[in-house]
Structure formats: structure tokens, C-alpha cells
Amino acid sequence: MLFIRTEFNNFSETESDRTVLIIAAVGKSGSGKTTTLEYLVSNLASEGYRIGAVKHIFHKGFKIDKEGTNTWRYTKAGAKVIAAVSTEEIVVIKRAETELNDLEQVMELLGNEQLDIIVVEGFRSIIEKRNDVLKIITAKDAESLKKTLEGTVQPIIAVAGLIGKQKPKIKLEIPVISIPEEGKQLLKLVIEQLKGKAS
């Protein structure tokens, strides 16, 4: 299975039956995950696909909001959810009661956006064990590629990241792709998955 079927209690029946393709880049920090997913997002969005992105930030103490802003003041006063609305963006800041490590909970945050694809960076310990998430392995070198492949379940459609430029002499059944030079090959693989979803 390559798709997560999203089900939400507050949606109509047709909306709750939406199937969204989840694509994750799995690799260590500095291996090329962001570059790979950014390439996909840019090119797929230009073809009209609606894309959401999830980035897991594991640094303790990281906060989007800045001390002294009005939204920060509302949070400090006790607001659990703050929506900041401008003419160009809407930002929702939701205070986390506990660490969020459940992929379904994260996907629910994007539930009513009517997306075709959600790209995920991070949540490695969760993603690498899921057989319902399409994966692209990223690595810095052959050693790191081997370790990441050993701990990651299928489906894996490609290898990319820094290793893509090195073209290691490792026998694989999936392509090793250099982004952006060979990016069209990765796009083709993802679009094939999307077309399979539609049929």
C-alpha cells in the first residue's frame, strides 16, 4: 500500500475518502533530504498538484513564534491555538501538550486542505518502519546508504541526495538519482505512483 487514506470525523463522506500520496525522504542530517523534496515540490506544484509539507524539528526548545510578538503574548497569556492572518499567509500556532510522534495526528493537521501529495522530512524512526509511506533514501556516502537501507522497509522508489552525484558501486534494484541533473527520472516515478492512485 502506498497511500494513506485520511479519515476525519468532521468532513463529509466524499472528503473523508480522499487518498493522499505520502512521500518521505529518509536519511541522516545533511544527506540531501530537503533538496530532494524541494525539487519534487517545485516541479509537481508547477504541474498543478496540490502539495503539503511536514518538517519534523527535533531540536529541543525550538519555537516558530518570537518573544515579544503579539502572537507570543497570546500564547504566554494561555491561548492554546493562535491564528495569525495576513494578506499573503495564514499561520496557525498550536501549543503542543506532549511531543507529537504520531504520523496520523500530523496528517490530520493537513486534513482539510484537499492535497494530492504530502512530503515528509523527519520522523525517521516512524517513517522507516511504515510500509504505507513511499520513500526516497538520501545519503552522504555508500556506508550511510547501506545503514539507512538496512533499517527501512519498502516501498522505496529511489536513492537521492549527496550520494546521487557519487554513483556508488552498490548493486541496487532502485535508481540512484542526482538532483537536479536527473530529477526528471524521480518525477516520473512519483507521477506513476499518482496515476496508480487515480485508477
N, C-alpha and C. Protein backbone atom coordinates (compact mmCIF):
# COMPACT_ATOMS: atom_id res chain seq x y z
N MET A 1 0.85 -1.17 0.00
CA MET A 1 0.00 0.00 0.00
C MET A 1 0.89 1.24 0.00
N LEU A 2 0.60 2.21 -0.86
CA LEU A 2 1.44 3.38 -0.98
C LEU A 2 0.76 4.66 -0.56
N PHE A 3 -0.45 4.58 -0.13
CA PHE A 3 -1.20 5.79 0.18
C PHE A 3 -1.81 5.69 1.56
N ILE A 4 -1.92 6.82 2.21
CA ILE A 4 -2.64 6.88 3.48
C ILE A 4 -4.03 7.40 3.17
N ARG A 5 -5.01 6.66 3.60
CA ARG A 5 -6.40 7.09 3.44
C ARG A 5 -6.74 7.92 4.65
N THR A 6 -7.04 9.18 4.43
CA THR A 6 -7.33 10.05 5.56
C THR A 6 -8.80 9.99 5.89
N GLU A 7 -9.09 9.82 7.15
CA GLU A 7 -10.47 9.80 7.62
C GLU A 7 -10.61 10.81 8.73
N PHE A 8 -11.54 11.71 8.58
CA PHE A 8 -11.73 12.76 9.56
C PHE A 8 -13.20 12.85 9.91
N ASN A 9 -13.50 12.88 11.18
CA ASN A 9 -14.88 12.88 11.65
C ASN A 9 -15.66 14.11 11.24
N ASN A 10 -15.00 15.24 11.05
CA ASN A 10 -15.73 16.47 10.78
C ASN A 10 -15.86 16.76 9.28
N PHE A 11 -15.58 15.81 8.40
CA PHE A 11 -15.69 16.02 6.97
C PHE A 11 -16.88 15.25 6.41
N SER A 12 -17.32 15.68 5.23
CA SER A 12 -18.38 14.93 4.54
C SER A 12 -17.80 13.61 4.06
N GLU A 13 -18.68 12.71 3.64
CA GLU A 13 -18.23 11.36 3.24
C GLU A 13 -17.24 11.43 2.09
N THR A 14 -17.48 12.27 1.07
CA THR A 14 -16.57 12.31 -0.08
C THR A 14 -15.22 12.86 0.32
N GLU A 15 -15.17 13.84 1.21
CA GLU A 15 -13.88 14.37 1.64
C GLU A 15 -13.12 13.35 2.48
N SER A 16 -13.81 12.56 3.29
CA SER A 16 -13.11 11.61 4.15
C SER A 16 -12.55 10.43 3.37
N ASP A 17 -12.99 10.24 2.13
CA ASP A 17 -12.49 9.15 1.31
C ASP A 17 -11.26 9.55 0.49
N ARG A 18 -10.78 10.75 0.67
CA ARG A 18 -9.61 11.20 -0.09
C ARG A 18 -8.40 10.32 0.22
N THR A 19 -7.65 10.03 -0.80
CA THR A 19 -6.42 9.31 -0.64
C THR A 19 -5.29 10.24 -1.04
N VAL A 20 -4.33 10.41 -0.15
CA VAL A 20 -3.22 11.32 -0.36
C VAL A 20 -1.94 10.51 -0.44
N LEU A 21 -1.12 10.79 -1.42
CA LEU A 21 0.17 10.12 -1.54
C LEU A 21 1.13 10.75 -0.54
N ILE A 22 1.71 9.93 0.31
CA ILE A 22 2.69 10.39 1.29
C ILE A 22 4.07 9.96 0.79
N ILE A 23 4.96 10.94 0.62
CA ILE A 23 6.32 10.67 0.16
C ILE A 23 7.28 11.21 1.21
N ALA A 24 8.18 10.38 1.67
CA ALA A 24 9.14 10.80 2.69
C ALA A 24 10.56 10.64 2.19
N ALA A 25 11.39 11.59 2.58
CA ALA A 25 12.84 11.44 2.37
C ALA A 25 13.40 10.89 3.68
N VAL A 26 14.11 9.77 3.59
CA VAL A 26 14.66 9.12 4.78
C VAL A 26 16.18 9.15 4.67
N GLY A 27 16.80 9.77 5.65
CA GLY A 27 18.26 9.86 5.66
C GLY A 27 18.72 10.68 6.85
N LYS A 28 20.01 10.69 7.05
CA LYS A 28 20.58 11.45 8.16
C LYS A 28 20.67 12.93 7.81
N SER A 29 20.89 13.74 8.82
CA SER A 29 21.04 15.18 8.63
C SER A 29 22.18 15.47 7.64
N GLY A 30 21.93 16.38 6.72
CA GLY A 30 22.96 16.76 5.76
C GLY A 30 23.07 15.83 4.57
N SER A 31 22.13 14.89 4.41
CA SER A 31 22.22 13.91 3.32
C SER A 31 21.52 14.35 2.04
N GLY A 32 20.75 15.45 2.09
CA GLY A 32 20.08 15.93 0.89
C GLY A 32 18.57 15.77 0.90
N LYS A 33 17.98 15.54 2.06
CA LYS A 33 16.52 15.35 2.14
C LYS A 33 15.77 16.59 1.67
N THR A 34 16.12 17.74 2.20
CA THR A 34 15.40 18.97 1.86
C THR A 34 15.56 19.29 0.37
N THR A 35 16.76 19.18 -0.16
CA THR A 35 16.99 19.47 -1.58
C THR A 35 16.16 18.54 -2.46
N THR A 36 16.12 17.27 -2.11
CA THR A 36 15.35 16.29 -2.89
C THR A 36 13.86 16.61 -2.86
N LEU A 37 13.32 16.83 -1.66
CA LEU A 37 11.89 17.12 -1.55
C LEU A 37 11.53 18.48 -2.14
N GLU A 38 12.40 19.45 -1.98
CA GLU A 38 12.16 20.77 -2.58
C GLU A 38 12.06 20.66 -4.10
N TYR A 39 12.92 19.85 -4.71
CA TYR A 39 12.86 19.63 -6.15
C TYR A 39 11.51 19.03 -6.54
N LEU A 40 11.08 18.01 -5.81
CA LEU A 40 9.79 17.39 -6.09
C LEU A 40 8.64 18.38 -5.94
N VAL A 41 8.62 19.10 -4.83
CA VAL A 41 7.54 20.05 -4.58
C VAL A 41 7.47 21.09 -5.70
N SER A 42 8.60 21.67 -6.04
CA SER A 42 8.64 22.71 -7.07
C SER A 42 8.10 22.20 -8.41
N ASN A 43 8.57 21.04 -8.82
CA ASN A 43 8.18 20.51 -10.13
C ASN A 43 6.76 19.95 -10.15
N LEU A 44 6.35 19.29 -9.09
CA LEU A 44 4.98 18.76 -9.05
C LEU A 44 3.96 19.88 -8.90
N ALA A 45 4.28 20.91 -8.12
CA ALA A 45 3.38 22.06 -7.98
C ALA A 45 3.22 22.77 -9.32
N SER A 46 4.29 22.85 -10.09
CA SER A 46 4.19 23.51 -11.39
C SER A 46 3.33 22.71 -12.38
N GLU A 47 3.11 21.43 -12.08
CA GLU A 47 2.23 20.60 -12.91
C GLU A 47 0.80 20.60 -12.38
N GLY A 48 0.54 21.38 -11.33
CA GLY A 48 -0.82 21.54 -10.84
C GLY A 48 -1.19 20.67 -9.65
N TYR A 49 -0.27 19.89 -9.14
CA TYR A 49 -0.58 19.06 -7.97
C TYR A 49 -0.61 19.94 -6.72
N ARG A 50 -1.53 19.62 -5.80
CA ARG A 50 -1.63 20.34 -4.53
C ARG A 50 -0.78 19.58 -3.51
N ILE A 51 0.19 20.28 -2.95
CA ILE A 51 1.20 19.63 -2.11
C ILE A 51 1.27 20.27 -0.73
N GLY A 52 1.36 19.43 0.26
CA GLY A 52 1.62 19.86 1.63
C GLY A 52 2.97 19.33 2.04
N ALA A 53 3.57 19.97 3.03
CA ALA A 53 4.88 19.53 3.51
C ALA A 53 4.88 19.48 5.03
N VAL A 54 5.53 18.45 5.56
CA VAL A 54 5.67 18.30 7.00
C VAL A 54 7.16 18.20 7.29
N LYS A 55 7.64 19.04 8.20
CA LYS A 55 9.04 19.02 8.61
C LYS A 55 9.09 18.80 10.11
N HIS A 56 9.68 17.70 10.52
CA HIS A 56 9.84 17.42 11.95
C HIS A 56 11.11 18.12 12.43
N ILE A 57 10.96 18.95 13.45
CA ILE A 57 12.09 19.67 14.02
C ILE A 57 12.35 19.07 15.40
N PHE A 58 13.47 18.42 15.53
CA PHE A 58 13.75 17.67 16.76
C PHE A 58 14.58 18.45 17.77
N HIS A 59 14.95 19.68 17.45
CA HIS A 59 15.77 20.47 18.37
C HIS A 59 14.94 20.91 19.57
N LYS A 60 15.39 20.59 20.77
CA LYS A 60 14.69 20.99 22.00
C LYS A 60 14.64 22.51 22.08
N GLY A 61 13.50 23.01 22.49
CA GLY A 61 13.35 24.45 22.70
C GLY A 61 13.04 25.24 21.45
N PHE A 62 12.96 24.59 20.27
CA PHE A 62 12.67 25.32 19.03
C PHE A 62 11.23 25.82 19.06
N LYS A 63 11.05 27.08 18.70
CA LYS A 63 9.71 27.66 18.61
C LYS A 63 9.64 28.54 17.37
N ILE A 64 8.52 28.46 16.67
CA ILE A 64 8.30 29.29 15.50
C ILE A 64 8.10 30.74 15.91
N ASP A 65 7.31 30.94 16.94
CA ASP A 65 6.95 32.28 17.39
C ASP A 65 8.13 32.94 18.11
N LYS A 66 8.21 34.24 18.02
CA LYS A 66 9.30 35.00 18.64
C LYS A 66 8.80 35.79 19.85
N GLU A 67 9.61 35.81 20.88
CA GLU A 67 9.26 36.55 22.09
C GLU A 67 8.99 38.02 21.77
N GLY A 68 7.91 38.52 22.36
CA GLY A 68 7.58 39.93 22.20
C GLY A 68 6.52 40.21 21.15
N THR A 69 6.28 39.26 20.21
CA THR A 69 5.25 39.49 19.20
C THR A 69 3.87 39.36 19.83
N ASN A 70 2.87 39.89 19.16
CA ASN A 70 1.51 39.80 19.68
C ASN A 70 1.07 38.34 19.82
N THR A 71 1.41 37.50 18.84
CA THR A 71 1.02 36.09 18.93
C THR A 71 1.71 35.41 20.11
N TRP A 72 2.95 35.74 20.36
CA TRP A 72 3.67 35.20 21.50
C TRP A 72 2.99 35.62 22.80
N ARG A 73 2.52 36.87 22.83
CA ARG A 73 1.84 37.37 24.04
C ARG A 73 0.56 36.59 24.30
N TYR A 74 -0.20 36.26 23.23
CA TYR A 74 -1.42 35.46 23.40
C TYR A 74 -1.08 34.07 23.94
N THR A 75 -0.01 33.48 23.42
CA THR A 75 0.42 32.16 23.89
C THR A 75 0.81 32.24 25.37
N LYS A 76 1.59 33.23 25.72
CA LYS A 76 2.03 33.40 27.10
C LYS A 76 0.83 33.63 28.04
N ALA A 77 -0.21 34.27 27.51
CA ALA A 77 -1.40 34.52 28.32
C ALA A 77 -2.24 33.26 28.51
N GLY A 78 -1.98 32.21 27.70
CA GLY A 78 -2.69 30.95 27.89
C GLY A 78 -3.46 30.42 26.69
N ALA A 79 -3.42 31.12 25.56
CA ALA A 79 -4.13 30.63 24.37
C ALA A 79 -3.49 29.33 23.89
N LYS A 80 -4.31 28.32 23.56
CA LYS A 80 -3.81 27.03 23.08
C LYS A 80 -3.54 27.04 21.58
N VAL A 81 -4.35 27.84 20.84
CA VAL A 81 -4.20 27.94 19.39
C VAL A 81 -4.28 29.42 19.02
N ILE A 82 -3.34 29.86 18.18
CA ILE A 82 -3.32 31.24 17.71
C ILE A 82 -3.25 31.21 16.20
N ALA A 83 -4.12 31.95 15.53
CA ALA A 83 -4.07 32.08 14.07
C ALA A 83 -3.63 33.49 13.74
N ALA A 84 -2.56 33.61 12.98
CA ALA A 84 -2.08 34.91 12.52
C ALA A 84 -2.42 35.00 11.03
N VAL A 85 -3.18 36.00 10.65
CA VAL A 85 -3.69 36.10 9.29
C VAL A 85 -3.20 37.40 8.66
N SER A 86 -2.52 37.29 7.53
CA SER A 86 -2.11 38.46 6.76
C SER A 86 -2.71 38.34 5.37
N THR A 87 -2.40 39.28 4.51
CA THR A 87 -2.94 39.22 3.14
C THR A 87 -2.31 38.10 2.33
N GLU A 88 -1.16 37.59 2.76
CA GLU A 88 -0.45 36.57 1.98
C GLU A 88 -0.30 35.21 2.66
N GLU A 89 -0.46 35.17 3.99
CA GLU A 89 -0.25 33.92 4.70
C GLU A 89 -1.21 33.79 5.88
N ILE A 90 -1.46 32.54 6.22
CA ILE A 90 -2.17 32.22 7.45
C ILE A 90 -1.27 31.25 8.22
N VAL A 91 -0.96 31.60 9.45
CA VAL A 91 -0.13 30.75 10.28
C VAL A 91 -0.93 30.37 11.51
N VAL A 92 -0.99 29.07 11.77
CA VAL A 92 -1.65 28.60 12.97
C VAL A 92 -0.58 28.04 13.90
N ILE A 93 -0.53 28.60 15.09
CA ILE A 93 0.42 28.14 16.10
C ILE A 93 -0.40 27.40 17.16
N LYS A 94 -0.08 26.13 17.31
CA LYS A 94 -0.82 25.30 18.25
C LYS A 94 0.16 24.80 19.30
N ARG A 95 -0.12 25.09 20.54
CA ARG A 95 0.76 24.65 21.61
C ARG A 95 0.65 23.14 21.76
N ALA A 96 1.80 22.48 21.76
CA ALA A 96 1.83 21.03 21.91
C ALA A 96 1.81 20.69 23.40
N GLU A 97 0.86 19.83 23.76
CA GLU A 97 0.78 19.38 25.15
C GLU A 97 1.82 18.29 25.42
N THR A 98 2.06 17.47 24.40
CA THR A 98 3.07 16.43 24.50
C THR A 98 3.80 16.37 23.17
N GLU A 99 4.90 15.65 23.12
CA GLU A 99 5.65 15.52 21.89
C GLU A 99 4.80 14.77 20.87
N LEU A 100 4.72 15.31 19.67
CA LEU A 100 3.88 14.73 18.62
C LEU A 100 4.71 13.78 17.77
N ASN A 101 4.51 12.47 17.96
CA ASN A 101 5.25 11.46 17.22
C ASN A 101 4.32 10.47 16.52
N ASP A 102 3.09 10.87 16.29
CA ASP A 102 2.11 10.02 15.64
C ASP A 102 1.83 10.59 14.25
N LEU A 103 2.20 9.84 13.21
CA LEU A 103 2.06 10.35 11.85
C LEU A 103 0.62 10.69 11.51
N GLU A 104 -0.34 9.91 11.97
CA GLU A 104 -1.74 10.19 11.66
C GLU A 104 -2.17 11.54 12.26
N GLN A 105 -1.72 11.84 13.46
CA GLN A 105 -2.05 13.13 14.06
C GLN A 105 -1.47 14.28 13.24
N VAL A 106 -0.27 14.10 12.76
CA VAL A 106 0.35 15.13 11.93
C VAL A 106 -0.43 15.30 10.62
N MET A 107 -0.82 14.20 10.01
CA MET A 107 -1.57 14.27 8.75
C MET A 107 -2.94 14.94 8.96
N GLU A 108 -3.54 14.72 10.12
CA GLU A 108 -4.82 15.36 10.41
C GLU A 108 -4.72 16.88 10.37
N LEU A 109 -3.56 17.41 10.71
CA LEU A 109 -3.37 18.86 10.67
C LEU A 109 -3.53 19.40 9.25
N LEU A 110 -3.29 18.56 8.26
CA LEU A 110 -3.40 18.98 6.86
C LEU A 110 -4.68 18.45 6.21
N GLY A 111 -5.54 17.84 7.00
CA GLY A 111 -6.69 17.08 6.52
C GLY A 111 -7.65 17.80 5.61
N ASN A 112 -7.97 19.05 5.86
CA ASN A 112 -8.99 19.70 5.04
C ASN A 112 -8.41 20.56 3.94
N GLU A 113 -7.16 20.34 3.58
CA GLU A 113 -6.51 21.13 2.54
C GLU A 113 -6.68 20.55 1.13
N GLN A 114 -7.32 19.39 1.01
CA GLN A 114 -7.56 18.74 -0.29
C GLN A 114 -6.27 18.59 -1.10
N LEU A 115 -5.28 17.98 -0.47
CA LEU A 115 -3.97 17.80 -1.08
C LEU A 115 -3.91 16.51 -1.90
N ASP A 116 -3.03 16.51 -2.88
CA ASP A 116 -2.73 15.30 -3.66
C ASP A 116 -1.55 14.55 -3.05
N ILE A 117 -0.59 15.33 -2.53
CA ILE A 117 0.67 14.77 -2.04
C ILE A 117 1.05 15.48 -0.75
N ILE A 118 1.62 14.73 0.17
CA ILE A 118 2.26 15.32 1.34
C ILE A 118 3.68 14.79 1.38
N VAL A 119 4.65 15.71 1.40
CA VAL A 119 6.05 15.30 1.55
C VAL A 119 6.42 15.43 3.02
N VAL A 120 7.21 14.47 3.50
CA VAL A 120 7.58 14.43 4.91
C VAL A 120 9.09 14.38 5.03
N GLU A 121 9.61 15.30 5.84
CA GLU A 121 11.03 15.27 6.17
C GLU A 121 11.13 15.14 7.68
N GLY A 122 11.82 14.12 8.11
CA GLY A 122 11.93 13.87 9.54
C GLY A 122 11.05 12.72 9.95
N PHE A 123 10.82 12.56 11.24
CA PHE A 123 10.07 11.44 11.79
C PHE A 123 10.69 10.11 11.34
N ARG A 124 12.01 10.09 11.18
CA ARG A 124 12.67 8.93 10.59
C ARG A 124 12.33 7.62 11.29
N SER A 125 12.36 7.60 12.62
CA SER A 125 12.12 6.34 13.33
C SER A 125 10.71 5.81 13.09
N ILE A 126 9.79 6.68 12.75
CA ILE A 126 8.42 6.27 12.43
C ILE A 126 8.31 5.88 10.96
N ILE A 127 8.79 6.76 10.09
CA ILE A 127 8.65 6.59 8.65
C ILE A 127 9.35 5.34 8.14
N GLU A 128 10.57 5.09 8.60
CA GLU A 128 11.35 3.99 8.03
C GLU A 128 10.71 2.62 8.27
N LYS A 129 9.82 2.53 9.25
CA LYS A 129 9.15 1.26 9.56
C LYS A 129 7.77 1.14 8.93
N ARG A 130 7.30 2.18 8.24
CA ARG A 130 5.95 2.18 7.68
C ARG A 130 5.96 1.65 6.25
N ASN A 131 5.10 0.68 5.97
CA ASN A 131 5.02 0.15 4.60
C ASN A 131 3.94 0.85 3.78
N ASP A 132 3.32 1.88 4.35
CA ASP A 132 2.30 2.63 3.61
C ASP A 132 2.78 4.03 3.23
N VAL A 133 4.07 4.28 3.38
CA VAL A 133 4.66 5.57 3.01
C VAL A 133 5.72 5.33 1.94
N LEU A 134 5.60 6.03 0.82
CA LEU A 134 6.58 5.95 -0.26
C LEU A 134 7.86 6.64 0.19
N LYS A 135 9.00 6.00 -0.03
CA LYS A 135 10.25 6.54 0.48
C LYS A 135 11.30 6.78 -0.59
N ILE A 136 12.06 7.86 -0.37
CA ILE A 136 13.27 8.15 -1.13
C ILE A 136 14.38 8.16 -0.10
N ILE A 137 15.38 7.33 -0.29
CA ILE A 137 16.50 7.27 0.64
C ILE A 137 17.52 8.31 0.22
N THR A 138 17.98 9.11 1.19
CA THR A 138 19.06 10.05 0.92
C THR A 138 20.26 9.67 1.79
N ALA A 139 21.45 9.89 1.24
CA ALA A 139 22.66 9.51 1.98
C ALA A 139 23.82 10.38 1.52
N LYS A 140 24.81 10.49 2.41
CA LYS A 140 26.03 11.25 2.10
C LYS A 140 27.04 10.38 1.36
N ASP A 141 27.07 9.08 1.71
CA ASP A 141 28.07 8.18 1.14
C ASP A 141 27.55 6.75 1.17
N ALA A 142 28.33 5.83 0.61
CA ALA A 142 27.91 4.44 0.48
C ALA A 142 27.66 3.79 1.84
N GLU A 143 28.48 4.09 2.82
CA GLU A 143 28.32 3.50 4.16
C GLU A 143 26.99 3.91 4.78
N SER A 144 26.69 5.20 4.71
CA SER A 144 25.44 5.70 5.28
C SER A 144 24.24 5.18 4.49
N LEU A 145 24.40 5.01 3.19
CA LEU A 145 23.33 4.45 2.36
C LEU A 145 23.00 3.02 2.80
N LYS A 146 24.03 2.21 2.99
CA LYS A 146 23.81 0.83 3.42
C LYS A 146 23.07 0.77 4.76
N LYS A 147 23.49 1.58 5.72
CA LYS A 147 22.85 1.58 7.04
C LYS A 147 21.39 2.02 6.95
N THR A 148 21.12 3.05 6.17
CA THR A 148 19.75 3.54 6.05
C THR A 148 18.87 2.52 5.34
N LEU A 149 19.38 1.89 4.29
CA LEU A 149 18.61 0.87 3.58
C LEU A 149 18.29 -0.32 4.49
N GLU A 150 19.25 -0.72 5.32
CA GLU A 150 19.05 -1.86 6.22
C GLU A 150 17.89 -1.64 7.18
N GLY A 151 17.68 -0.41 7.61
CA GLY A 151 16.66 -0.15 8.60
C GLY A 151 15.33 0.34 8.04
N THR A 152 15.19 0.35 6.72
CA THR A 152 14.00 0.95 6.11
C THR A 152 13.21 -0.09 5.32
N VAL A 153 11.91 -0.18 5.60
CA VAL A 153 11.05 -1.13 4.89
C VAL A 153 10.56 -0.53 3.57
N GLN A 154 10.15 -1.39 2.67
CA GLN A 154 9.56 -0.97 1.38
C GLN A 154 8.22 -0.29 1.65
N PRO A 155 7.75 0.55 0.73
CA PRO A 155 8.25 0.81 -0.60
C PRO A 155 9.30 1.93 -0.64
N ILE A 156 10.39 1.63 -1.32
CA ILE A 156 11.45 2.61 -1.57
C ILE A 156 11.54 2.74 -3.09
N ILE A 157 11.39 3.97 -3.61
CA ILE A 157 11.39 4.12 -5.07
C ILE A 157 12.71 4.59 -5.64
N ALA A 158 13.58 5.20 -4.82
CA ALA A 158 14.84 5.73 -5.35
C ALA A 158 15.78 6.09 -4.22
N VAL A 159 17.03 6.31 -4.62
CA VAL A 159 18.07 6.85 -3.75
C VAL A 159 18.46 8.19 -4.36
N ALA A 160 18.59 9.20 -3.50
CA ALA A 160 18.99 10.54 -3.99
C ALA A 160 19.84 11.20 -2.90
N GLY A 161 19.97 12.51 -2.99
CA GLY A 161 20.80 13.23 -2.03
C GLY A 161 22.23 13.30 -2.51
N LEU A 162 23.14 13.54 -1.59
CA LEU A 162 24.55 13.72 -1.96
C LEU A 162 25.11 12.50 -2.67
N ILE A 163 24.65 11.32 -2.31
CA ILE A 163 25.14 10.09 -2.92
C ILE A 163 24.80 10.00 -4.41
N GLY A 164 23.76 10.71 -4.82
CA GLY A 164 23.35 10.70 -6.22
C GLY A 164 24.43 11.20 -7.16
N LYS A 165 25.25 12.11 -6.69
CA LYS A 165 26.34 12.63 -7.52
C LYS A 165 27.54 11.69 -7.53
N GLN A 166 27.63 10.82 -6.51
CA GLN A 166 28.78 9.92 -6.40
C GLN A 166 28.61 8.64 -7.21
N LYS A 167 27.38 8.22 -7.46
CA LYS A 167 27.08 6.97 -8.18
C LYS A 167 27.89 5.80 -7.62
N PRO A 168 27.61 5.40 -6.38
CA PRO A 168 28.39 4.32 -5.75
C PRO A 168 28.21 3.00 -6.48
N LYS A 169 29.20 2.17 -6.35
CA LYS A 169 29.15 0.85 -6.98
C LYS A 169 28.51 -0.15 -6.02
N ILE A 170 27.23 0.08 -5.76
CA ILE A 170 26.44 -0.80 -4.91
C ILE A 170 25.30 -1.32 -5.78
N LYS A 171 25.09 -2.62 -5.73
CA LYS A 171 24.01 -3.21 -6.53
C LYS A 171 22.68 -2.92 -5.86
N LEU A 172 21.83 -2.18 -6.56
CA LEU A 172 20.51 -1.83 -6.05
C LEU A 172 19.46 -2.11 -7.12
N GLU A 173 18.25 -2.37 -6.68
CA GLU A 173 17.15 -2.59 -7.62
C GLU A 173 16.38 -1.30 -7.88
N ILE A 174 16.83 -0.22 -7.29
CA ILE A 174 16.19 1.08 -7.48
C ILE A 174 17.24 2.06 -8.01
N PRO A 175 16.79 3.10 -8.71
CA PRO A 175 17.76 4.04 -9.28
C PRO A 175 18.41 4.94 -8.23
N VAL A 176 19.68 5.30 -8.50
CA VAL A 176 20.39 6.31 -7.72
C VAL A 176 20.36 7.56 -8.58
N ILE A 177 19.70 8.62 -8.06
CA ILE A 177 19.38 9.80 -8.87
C ILE A 177 20.09 11.02 -8.33
N SER A 178 20.72 11.76 -9.23
CA SER A 178 21.37 13.02 -8.88
C SER A 178 20.37 14.16 -9.13
N ILE A 179 20.11 14.93 -8.07
CA ILE A 179 19.17 16.05 -8.16
C ILE A 179 19.99 17.33 -8.28
N PRO A 180 19.74 18.20 -9.22
CA PRO A 180 18.61 18.24 -10.15
C PRO A 180 18.89 17.58 -11.51
N GLU A 181 20.13 17.22 -11.77
CA GLU A 181 20.51 16.74 -13.10
C GLU A 181 19.63 15.61 -13.63
N GLU A 182 19.28 14.66 -12.78
CA GLU A 182 18.47 13.52 -13.20
C GLU A 182 17.09 13.54 -12.54
N GLY A 183 16.70 14.70 -12.08
CA GLY A 183 15.45 14.84 -11.33
C GLY A 183 14.21 14.39 -12.07
N LYS A 184 14.21 14.53 -13.39
CA LYS A 184 13.03 14.12 -14.17
C LYS A 184 12.73 12.64 -13.98
N GLN A 185 13.76 11.84 -13.76
CA GLN A 185 13.57 10.41 -13.51
C GLN A 185 12.79 10.20 -12.20
N LEU A 186 13.12 10.96 -11.18
CA LEU A 186 12.41 10.86 -9.90
C LEU A 186 10.97 11.36 -10.06
N LEU A 187 10.79 12.46 -10.78
CA LEU A 187 9.43 12.96 -11.03
C LEU A 187 8.58 11.92 -11.72
N LYS A 188 9.15 11.24 -12.69
CA LYS A 188 8.42 10.21 -13.43
C LYS A 188 7.97 9.09 -12.49
N LEU A 189 8.85 8.67 -11.59
CA LEU A 189 8.50 7.62 -10.64
C LEU A 189 7.34 8.05 -9.73
N VAL A 190 7.38 9.29 -9.26
CA VAL A 190 6.32 9.78 -8.38
C VAL A 190 5.01 9.93 -9.15
N ILE A 191 5.07 10.47 -10.37
CA ILE A 191 3.84 10.65 -11.17
C ILE A 191 3.22 9.30 -11.49
N GLU A 192 4.04 8.28 -11.72
CA GLU A 192 3.50 6.92 -11.93
C GLU A 192 2.70 6.46 -10.71
N GLN A 193 3.22 6.76 -9.51
CA GLN A 193 2.50 6.39 -8.29
C GLN A 193 1.19 7.16 -8.18
N LEU A 194 1.21 8.44 -8.56
CA LEU A 194 -0.01 9.25 -8.51
C LEU A 194 -1.05 8.74 -9.50
N LYS A 195 -0.61 8.36 -10.68
CA LYS A 195 -1.54 7.83 -11.69
C LYS A 195 -2.11 6.50 -11.24
N GLY A 196 -1.31 5.70 -10.55
CA GLY A 196 -1.80 4.44 -9.99
C GLY A 196 -2.86 4.69 -8.95
N LYS A 197 -2.72 5.78 -8.20
CA LYS A 197 -3.70 6.16 -7.17
C LYS A 197 -5.02 6.51 -7.80
N ALA A 198 -4.95 7.20 -8.95
CA ALA A 198 -6.18 7.70 -9.61
C ALA A 198 -6.97 6.58 -10.27
N SER A 199 -6.31 5.49 -10.63
CA SER A 199 -7.03 4.42 -11.35
C SER A 199 -7.68 3.43 -10.44
